[in-house]
Amino acid sequence: MAAIAVRYLRSVGAATTGPAPVDPLPRPHLRAVAEGEQPPVDPREFRRVLGSFASGVTIVTAHAPDDPAGPAGFACQSFASLSLDPPLVTFMVARTSTTWPRIARAGAFCVNILGAGQGALCRSFAVSGADKFAGVAHRPAPVTGSPRLDSVAAWIDCRIQAVHTGGDHLIVVGRVEALGAVDETVPLLFHRGAFGRFAPLDD
């Protein structure tokens, strides 16, 4: 079959040695979204559809000795593990957040993973401008000193490794320095604007 193909190419005058020249592909057309142009996804529909994804709930905290406002913290749904070697985690925070600059100055943070009975605690840390730590028991995390909240399902003590821009949010990567968990604690879940709890399925 190969010999037949070669004979045919020779009969039509095609080269049979070396690759044939190939015209370069055209450059892609790049442009910014014009004023008045509709975005590809309606923001309300985006929130509705993405709300179908159930997630855990955390409170990210930080403390800097030179911060006159005391410890900082905010409720965070967008937390995930990122890497095992090295041990890295990530969370996302709005670029308009007034809490994030204080965490950034501290250079470290503690992720407090909430248990099923801590929905009210989560709501208190979601309020802007309030004294979020009023009446909240906590202790310093072992390496960075960031506030480790009492009675949480798990905690992860981190130093800030990198920060990347992601649209209207920042993607924060933390290197894990210490961590711990209470195995029997049921985690708090968030789904379609409401809190819930995890229950295993029957086999």
C-alpha atoms as a PDB file:
ATOM      1  CA  MET A   1       0.000   0.000   0.000  1.00  0.00           C
ATOM      2  CA  ALA A   2       2.843   2.389   0.825  1.00  0.00           C
ATOM      3  CA  ALA A   3       4.534   1.675  -2.536  1.00  0.00           C
ATOM      4  CA  ILE A   4       1.296   2.441  -4.391  1.00  0.00           C
ATOM      5  CA  ALA A   5       0.976   5.760  -2.559  1.00  0.00           C
ATOM      6  CA  VAL A   6       4.567   6.727  -3.428  1.00  0.00           C
ATOM      7  CA  ARG A   7       4.064   5.895  -7.120  1.00  0.00           C
ATOM      8  CA  TYR A   8       0.894   8.006  -7.191  1.00  0.00           C
ATOM      9  CA  LEU A   9       2.606  10.998  -5.581  1.00  0.00           C
ATOM     10  CA  ARG A  10       5.456  10.752  -8.119  1.00  0.00           C
ATOM     11  CA  SER A  11       2.990  10.579 -11.005  1.00  0.00           C
ATOM     12  CA  VAL A  12       1.362  13.858  -9.991  1.00  0.00           C
ATOM     13  CA  GLY A  13       4.678  15.542  -9.364  1.00  0.00           C
ATOM     14  CA  ALA A  14       4.460  15.705  -5.564  1.00  0.00           C
ATOM     15  CA  ALA A  15       7.604  15.551  -3.472  1.00  0.00           C
ATOM     16  CA  THR A  16       8.082  12.254  -1.648  1.00  0.00           C
ATOM     17  CA  THR A  17      10.976  13.224   0.572  1.00  0.00           C
ATOM     18  CA  GLY A  18      10.736  15.630   3.493  1.00  0.00           C
ATOM     19  CA  PRO A  19       7.657  17.332   4.834  1.00  0.00           C
ATOM     20  CA  ALA A  20       5.612  19.490   2.531  1.00  0.00           C
ATOM     21  CA  PRO A  21       5.608  23.192   3.367  1.00  0.00           C
ATOM     22  CA  VAL A  22       2.665  24.224   5.533  1.00  0.00           C
ATOM     23  CA  ASP A  23       1.186  27.710   5.573  1.00  0.00           C
ATOM     24  CA  PRO A  24       1.112  29.196   9.089  1.00  0.00           C
ATOM     25  CA  LEU A  25      -2.237  29.389  10.797  1.00  0.00           C
ATOM     26  CA  PRO A  26      -3.797  32.850  10.984  1.00  0.00           C
ATOM     27  CA  ARG A  27      -3.287  34.746  14.221  1.00  0.00           C
ATOM     28  CA  PRO A  28      -6.304  34.552  16.549  1.00  0.00           C
ATOM     29  CA  HIS A  29      -8.454  37.647  16.700  1.00  0.00           C
ATOM     30  CA  LEU A  30      -8.264  39.063  20.229  1.00  0.00           C
ATOM     31  CA  ARG A  31     -10.484  41.829  21.522  1.00  0.00           C
ATOM     32  CA  ALA A  32     -11.922  43.202  24.730  1.00  0.00           C
ATOM     33  CA  VAL A  33     -15.632  43.201  25.481  1.00  0.00           C
ATOM     34  CA  ALA A  34     -17.066  46.380  24.002  1.00  0.00           C
ATOM     35  CA  GLU A  35     -19.138  48.833  26.024  1.00  0.00           C
ATOM     36  CA  GLY A  36     -22.778  47.869  26.017  1.00  0.00           C
ATOM     37  CA  GLU A  37     -22.008  44.322  24.904  1.00  0.00           C
ATOM     38  CA  GLN A  38     -23.894  41.702  26.876  1.00  0.00           C
ATOM     39  CA  PRO A  39     -21.738  39.441  29.075  1.00  0.00           C
ATOM     40  CA  PRO A  40     -21.838  35.781  28.033  1.00  0.00           C
ATOM     41  CA  VAL A  41     -23.559  34.710  31.266  1.00  0.00           C
ATOM     42  CA  ASP A  42     -26.276  36.469  33.248  1.00  0.00           C
ATOM     43  CA  PRO A  43     -24.921  37.074  36.790  1.00  0.00           C
ATOM     44  CA  ARG A  44     -28.146  35.940  38.446  1.00  0.00           C
ATOM     45  CA  GLU A  45     -28.193  32.734  36.431  1.00  0.00           C
ATOM     46  CA  PHE A  46     -24.507  32.211  37.235  1.00  0.00           C
ATOM     47  CA  ARG A  47     -25.228  32.423  40.981  1.00  0.00           C
ATOM     48  CA  ARG A  48     -28.297  30.189  40.687  1.00  0.00           C
ATOM     49  CA  VAL A  49     -26.531  27.419  38.802  1.00  0.00           C
ATOM     50  CA  LEU A  50     -23.321  27.538  40.848  1.00  0.00           C
ATOM     51  CA  GLY A  51     -25.460  27.437  43.994  1.00  0.00           C
ATOM     52  CA  SER A  52     -26.231  23.832  43.079  1.00  0.00           C
ATOM     53  CA  PHE A  53     -22.712  22.928  44.186  1.00  0.00           C
ATOM     54  CA  ALA A  54     -22.737  22.083  47.897  1.00  0.00           C
ATOM     55  CA  SER A  55     -19.617  23.043  49.809  1.00  0.00           C
ATOM     56  CA  GLY A  56     -18.190  23.135  53.275  1.00  0.00           C
ATOM     57  CA  VAL A  57     -18.021  26.402  55.214  1.00  0.00           C
ATOM     58  CA  THR A  58     -14.956  27.956  56.809  1.00  0.00           C
ATOM     59  CA  ILE A  59     -13.870  31.046  58.683  1.00  0.00           C
ATOM     60  CA  VAL A  60     -10.468  32.375  57.654  1.00  0.00           C
ATOM     61  CA  THR A  61      -8.723  34.235  60.470  1.00  0.00           C
ATOM     62  CA  ALA A  62      -5.488  36.158  60.943  1.00  0.00           C
ATOM     63  CA  HIS A  63      -3.757  38.164  63.631  1.00  0.00           C
ATOM     64  CA  ALA A  64      -0.908  40.645  63.456  1.00  0.00           C
ATOM     65  CA  PRO A  65       0.498  42.020  66.720  1.00  0.00           C
ATOM     66  CA  ASP A  66       0.752  45.524  65.200  1.00  0.00           C
ATOM     67  CA  ASP A  67      -2.861  45.622  63.986  1.00  0.00           C
ATOM     68  CA  PRO A  68      -4.783  47.979  66.328  1.00  0.00           C
ATOM     69  CA  ALA A  69      -8.087  46.505  65.143  1.00  0.00           C
ATOM     70  CA  GLY A  70      -7.199  43.122  66.631  1.00  0.00           C
ATOM     71  CA  PRO A  71      -7.719  39.816  64.827  1.00  0.00           C
ATOM     72  CA  ALA A  72      -9.338  39.656  61.398  1.00  0.00           C
ATOM     73  CA  GLY A  73     -11.653  37.065  59.951  1.00  0.00           C
ATOM     74  CA  PHE A  74     -14.334  36.397  57.367  1.00  0.00           C
ATOM     75  CA  ALA A  75     -16.687  33.581  56.392  1.00  0.00           C
ATOM     76  CA  CYS A  76     -15.406  31.723  53.355  1.00  0.00           C
ATOM     77  CA  GLN A  77     -17.165  29.103  51.248  1.00  0.00           C
ATOM     78  CA  SER A  78     -14.549  28.946  48.482  1.00  0.00           C
ATOM     79  CA  PHE A  79     -11.868  26.892  50.229  1.00  0.00           C
ATOM     80  CA  ALA A  80     -10.156  23.789  48.850  1.00  0.00           C
ATOM     81  CA  SER A  81      -7.087  21.615  49.227  1.00  0.00           C
ATOM     82  CA  LEU A  82      -4.593  22.250  46.426  1.00  0.00           C
ATOM     83  CA  SER A  83      -1.424  20.170  46.771  1.00  0.00           C
ATOM     84  CA  LEU A  84      -0.066  17.351  48.900  1.00  0.00           C
ATOM     85  CA  ASP A  85       3.636  17.899  48.174  1.00  0.00           C
ATOM     86  CA  PRO A  86       4.171  20.623  49.206  1.00  0.00           C
ATOM     87  CA  PRO A  87       1.054  20.848  51.383  1.00  0.00           C
ATOM     88  CA  LEU A  88      -0.970  23.744  49.967  1.00  0.00           C
ATOM     89  CA  VAL A  89      -4.541  24.968  50.344  1.00  0.00           C
ATOM     90  CA  THR A  90      -6.402  27.775  48.603  1.00  0.00           C
ATOM     91  CA  PHE A  91      -9.313  30.124  49.150  1.00  0.00           C
ATOM     92  CA  MET A  92     -10.866  32.953  47.172  1.00  0.00           C
ATOM     93  CA  VAL A  93     -11.697  36.404  48.496  1.00  0.00           C
ATOM     94  CA  ALA A  94     -13.384  39.369  46.818  1.00  0.00           C
ATOM     95  CA  ARG A  95     -11.003  42.103  45.715  1.00  0.00           C
ATOM     96  CA  THR A  96     -13.325  44.585  47.465  1.00  0.00           C
ATOM     97  CA  SER A  97     -12.954  42.838  50.838  1.00  0.00           C
ATOM     98  CA  THR A  98     -11.886  45.132  53.682  1.00  0.00           C
ATOM     99  CA  THR A  99     -10.704  42.136  55.727  1.00  0.00           C
ATOM    100  CA  TRP A 100      -8.301  40.743  53.137  1.00  0.00           C
ATOM    101  CA  PRO A 101      -5.707  43.572  53.383  1.00  0.00           C
ATOM    102  CA  ARG A 102      -5.375  42.873  57.106  1.00  0.00           C
ATOM    103  CA  ILE A 103      -4.849  39.162  56.448  1.00  0.00           C
ATOM    104  CA  ALA A 104      -2.327  39.999  53.729  1.00  0.00           C
ATOM    105  CA  ARG A 105      -0.360  42.217  56.108  1.00  0.00           C
ATOM    106  CA  ALA A 106      -0.277  39.408  58.661  1.00  0.00           C
ATOM    107  CA  GLY A 107       1.223  37.083  56.041  1.00  0.00           C
ATOM    108  CA  ALA A 108      -0.510  34.084  57.590  1.00  0.00           C
ATOM    109  CA  PHE A 109      -3.975  32.727  58.287  1.00  0.00           C
ATOM    110  CA  CYS A 110      -5.897  29.878  59.888  1.00  0.00           C
ATOM    111  CA  VAL A 111      -8.741  28.122  58.089  1.00  0.00           C
ATOM    112  CA  ASN A 112     -11.399  27.084  60.614  1.00  0.00           C
ATOM    113  CA  ILE A 113     -13.697  24.411  59.162  1.00  0.00           C
ATOM    114  CA  LEU A 114     -17.116  24.736  60.779  1.00  0.00           C
ATOM    115  CA  GLY A 115     -19.263  22.004  62.274  1.00  0.00           C
ATOM    116  CA  ALA A 116     -22.975  21.461  61.652  1.00  0.00           C
ATOM    117  CA  GLY A 117     -24.075  23.503  64.670  1.00  0.00           C
ATOM    118  CA  GLN A 118     -22.059  26.620  63.803  1.00  0.00           C
ATOM    119  CA  GLY A 119     -24.280  28.334  61.251  1.00  0.00           C
ATOM    120  CA  ALA A 120     -24.788  31.321  63.559  1.00  0.00           C
ATOM    121  CA  LEU A 121     -21.018  31.663  63.978  1.00  0.00           C
ATOM    122  CA  CYS A 122     -20.642  31.718  60.204  1.00  0.00           C
ATOM    123  CA  ARG A 123     -23.282  34.445  59.863  1.00  0.00           C
ATOM    124  CA  SER A 124     -21.552  36.601  62.484  1.00  0.00           C
ATOM    125  CA  PHE A 125     -18.302  36.503  60.486  1.00  0.00           C
ATOM    126  CA  ALA A 126     -20.152  37.349  57.262  1.00  0.00           C
ATOM    127  CA  VAL A 127     -21.206  40.770  58.633  1.00  0.00           C
ATOM    128  CA  SER A 128     -19.022  43.690  57.583  1.00  0.00           C
ATOM    129  CA  GLY A 129     -17.890  46.257  60.136  1.00  0.00           C
ATOM    130  CA  ALA A 130     -18.924  44.352  63.266  1.00  0.00           C
ATOM    131  CA  ASP A 131     -16.675  43.073  66.056  1.00  0.00           C
ATOM    132  CA  LYS A 132     -16.676  39.532  64.729  1.00  0.00           C
ATOM    133  CA  PHE A 133     -14.642  38.087  67.590  1.00  0.00           C
ATOM    134  CA  ALA A 134     -16.877  39.413  70.380  1.00  0.00           C
ATOM    135  CA  GLY A 135     -17.707  36.470  72.625  1.00  0.00           C
ATOM    136  CA  VAL A 136     -15.935  33.988  70.324  1.00  0.00           C
ATOM    137  CA  ALA A 137     -13.476  31.739  72.164  1.00  0.00           C
ATOM    138  CA  HIS A 138     -10.213  31.163  70.342  1.00  0.00           C
ATOM    139  CA  ARG A 139      -6.556  30.415  70.893  1.00  0.00           C
ATOM    140  CA  PRO A 140      -3.398  31.026  68.828  1.00  0.00           C
ATOM    141  CA  ALA A 141      -2.680  28.456  66.127  1.00  0.00           C
ATOM    142  CA  PRO A 142       0.590  26.698  66.978  1.00  0.00           C
ATOM    143  CA  VAL A 143       2.851  28.099  64.230  1.00  0.00           C
ATOM    144  CA  THR A 144       1.512  31.440  62.974  1.00  0.00           C
ATOM    145  CA  GLY A 145      -0.536  32.521  65.992  1.00  0.00           C
ATOM    146  CA  SER A 146      -3.609  33.094  63.838  1.00  0.00           C
ATOM    147  CA  PRO A 147      -6.879  32.674  65.769  1.00  0.00           C
ATOM    148  CA  ARG A 148      -7.924  29.044  65.997  1.00  0.00           C
ATOM    149  CA  LEU A 149     -11.603  29.061  66.922  1.00  0.00           C
ATOM    150  CA  ASP A 150     -12.796  26.712  69.646  1.00  0.00           C
ATOM    151  CA  SER A 151     -15.105  23.804  68.811  1.00  0.00           C
ATOM    152  CA  VAL A 152     -14.526  23.839  65.054  1.00  0.00           C
ATOM    153  CA  ALA A 153     -14.475  20.593  63.076  1.00  0.00           C
ATOM    154  CA  ALA A 154     -10.913  21.178  61.866  1.00  0.00           C
ATOM    155  CA  TRP A 155      -8.276  23.885  61.580  1.00  0.00           C
ATOM    156  CA  ILE A 156      -5.389  24.507  59.175  1.00  0.00           C
ATOM    157  CA  ASP A 157      -2.563  26.889  60.117  1.00  0.00           C
ATOM    158  CA  CYS A 158      -0.935  28.458  57.025  1.00  0.00           C
ATOM    159  CA  ARG A 159       1.488  31.025  55.724  1.00  0.00           C
ATOM    160  CA  ILE A 160       0.625  32.913  52.538  1.00  0.00           C
ATOM    161  CA  GLN A 161       2.490  31.304  49.640  1.00  0.00           C
ATOM    162  CA  ALA A 162       1.089  33.217  46.645  1.00  0.00           C
ATOM    163  CA  VAL A 163      -1.786  35.457  45.560  1.00  0.00           C
ATOM    164  CA  HIS A 164      -3.220  35.441  42.031  1.00  0.00           C
ATOM    165  CA  THR A 165      -5.877  37.575  40.355  1.00  0.00           C
ATOM    166  CA  GLY A 166      -9.044  35.770  39.263  1.00  0.00           C
ATOM    167  CA  GLY A 167     -11.572  38.235  37.852  1.00  0.00           C
ATOM    168  CA  ASP A 168     -13.241  40.121  40.700  1.00  0.00           C
ATOM    169  CA  HIS A 169     -11.612  37.816  43.273  1.00  0.00           C
ATOM    170  CA  LEU A 170      -8.137  36.981  44.507  1.00  0.00           C
ATOM    171  CA  ILE A 171      -6.900  33.388  44.652  1.00  0.00           C
ATOM    172  CA  VAL A 172      -4.876  32.949  47.823  1.00  0.00           C
ATOM    173  CA  VAL A 173      -2.530  29.978  48.171  1.00  0.00           C
ATOM    174  CA  GLY A 174      -1.370  29.013  51.648  1.00  0.00           C
ATOM    175  CA  ARG A 175       1.394  26.650  52.719  1.00  0.00           C
ATOM    176  CA  VAL A 176       0.202  24.416  55.546  1.00  0.00           C
ATOM    177  CA  GLU A 177       2.335  24.596  58.701  1.00  0.00           C
ATOM    178  CA  ALA A 178       0.076  22.695  61.120  1.00  0.00           C
ATOM    179  CA  LEU A 179      -3.421  21.247  61.207  1.00  0.00           C
ATOM    180  CA  GLY A 180      -5.851  19.181  63.238  1.00  0.00           C
ATOM    181  CA  ALA A 181      -9.403  17.815  63.242  1.00  0.00           C
ATOM    182  CA  VAL A 182     -12.075  16.388  65.510  1.00  0.00           C
ATOM    183  CA  ASP A 183     -13.030  13.204  63.672  1.00  0.00           C
ATOM    184  CA  GLU A 184     -16.518  12.771  65.097  1.00  0.00           C
ATOM    185  CA  THR A 185     -17.678  16.307  64.216  1.00  0.00           C
ATOM    186  CA  VAL A 186     -20.305  16.560  61.464  1.00  0.00           C
ATOM    187  CA  PRO A 187     -19.360  19.353  59.009  1.00  0.00           C
ATOM    188  CA  LEU A 188     -21.525  22.350  58.157  1.00  0.00           C
ATOM    189  CA  LEU A 189     -22.589  22.451  54.497  1.00  0.00           C
ATOM    190  CA  PHE A 190     -23.893  25.294  52.336  1.00  0.00           C
ATOM    191  CA  HIS A 191     -26.250  24.674  49.407  1.00  0.00           C
ATOM    192  CA  ARG A 192     -28.528  27.053  47.493  1.00  0.00           C
ATOM    193  CA  GLY A 193     -28.315  29.772  50.098  1.00  0.00           C
ATOM    194  CA  ALA A 194     -29.019  27.547  53.110  1.00  0.00           C
ATOM    195  CA  PHE A 195     -27.009  25.643  55.704  1.00  0.00           C
ATOM    196  CA  GLY A 196     -27.280  21.901  56.109  1.00  0.00           C
ATOM    197  CA  ARG A 197     -25.370  18.905  57.375  1.00  0.00           C
ATOM    198  CA  PHE A 198     -23.790  15.810  55.911  1.00  0.00           C
ATOM    199  CA  ALA A 199     -25.415  12.393  56.320  1.00  0.00           C
ATOM    200  CA  PRO A 200     -23.886   9.216  54.851  1.00  0.00           C
ATOM    201  CA  LEU A 201     -25.949   7.219  52.367  1.00  0.00           C
ATOM    202  CA  ASP A 202     -27.062   3.700  53.246  1.00  0.00           C
ATOM    203  CA  ASP A 203     -25.271   1.031  51.210  1.00  0.00           C
END
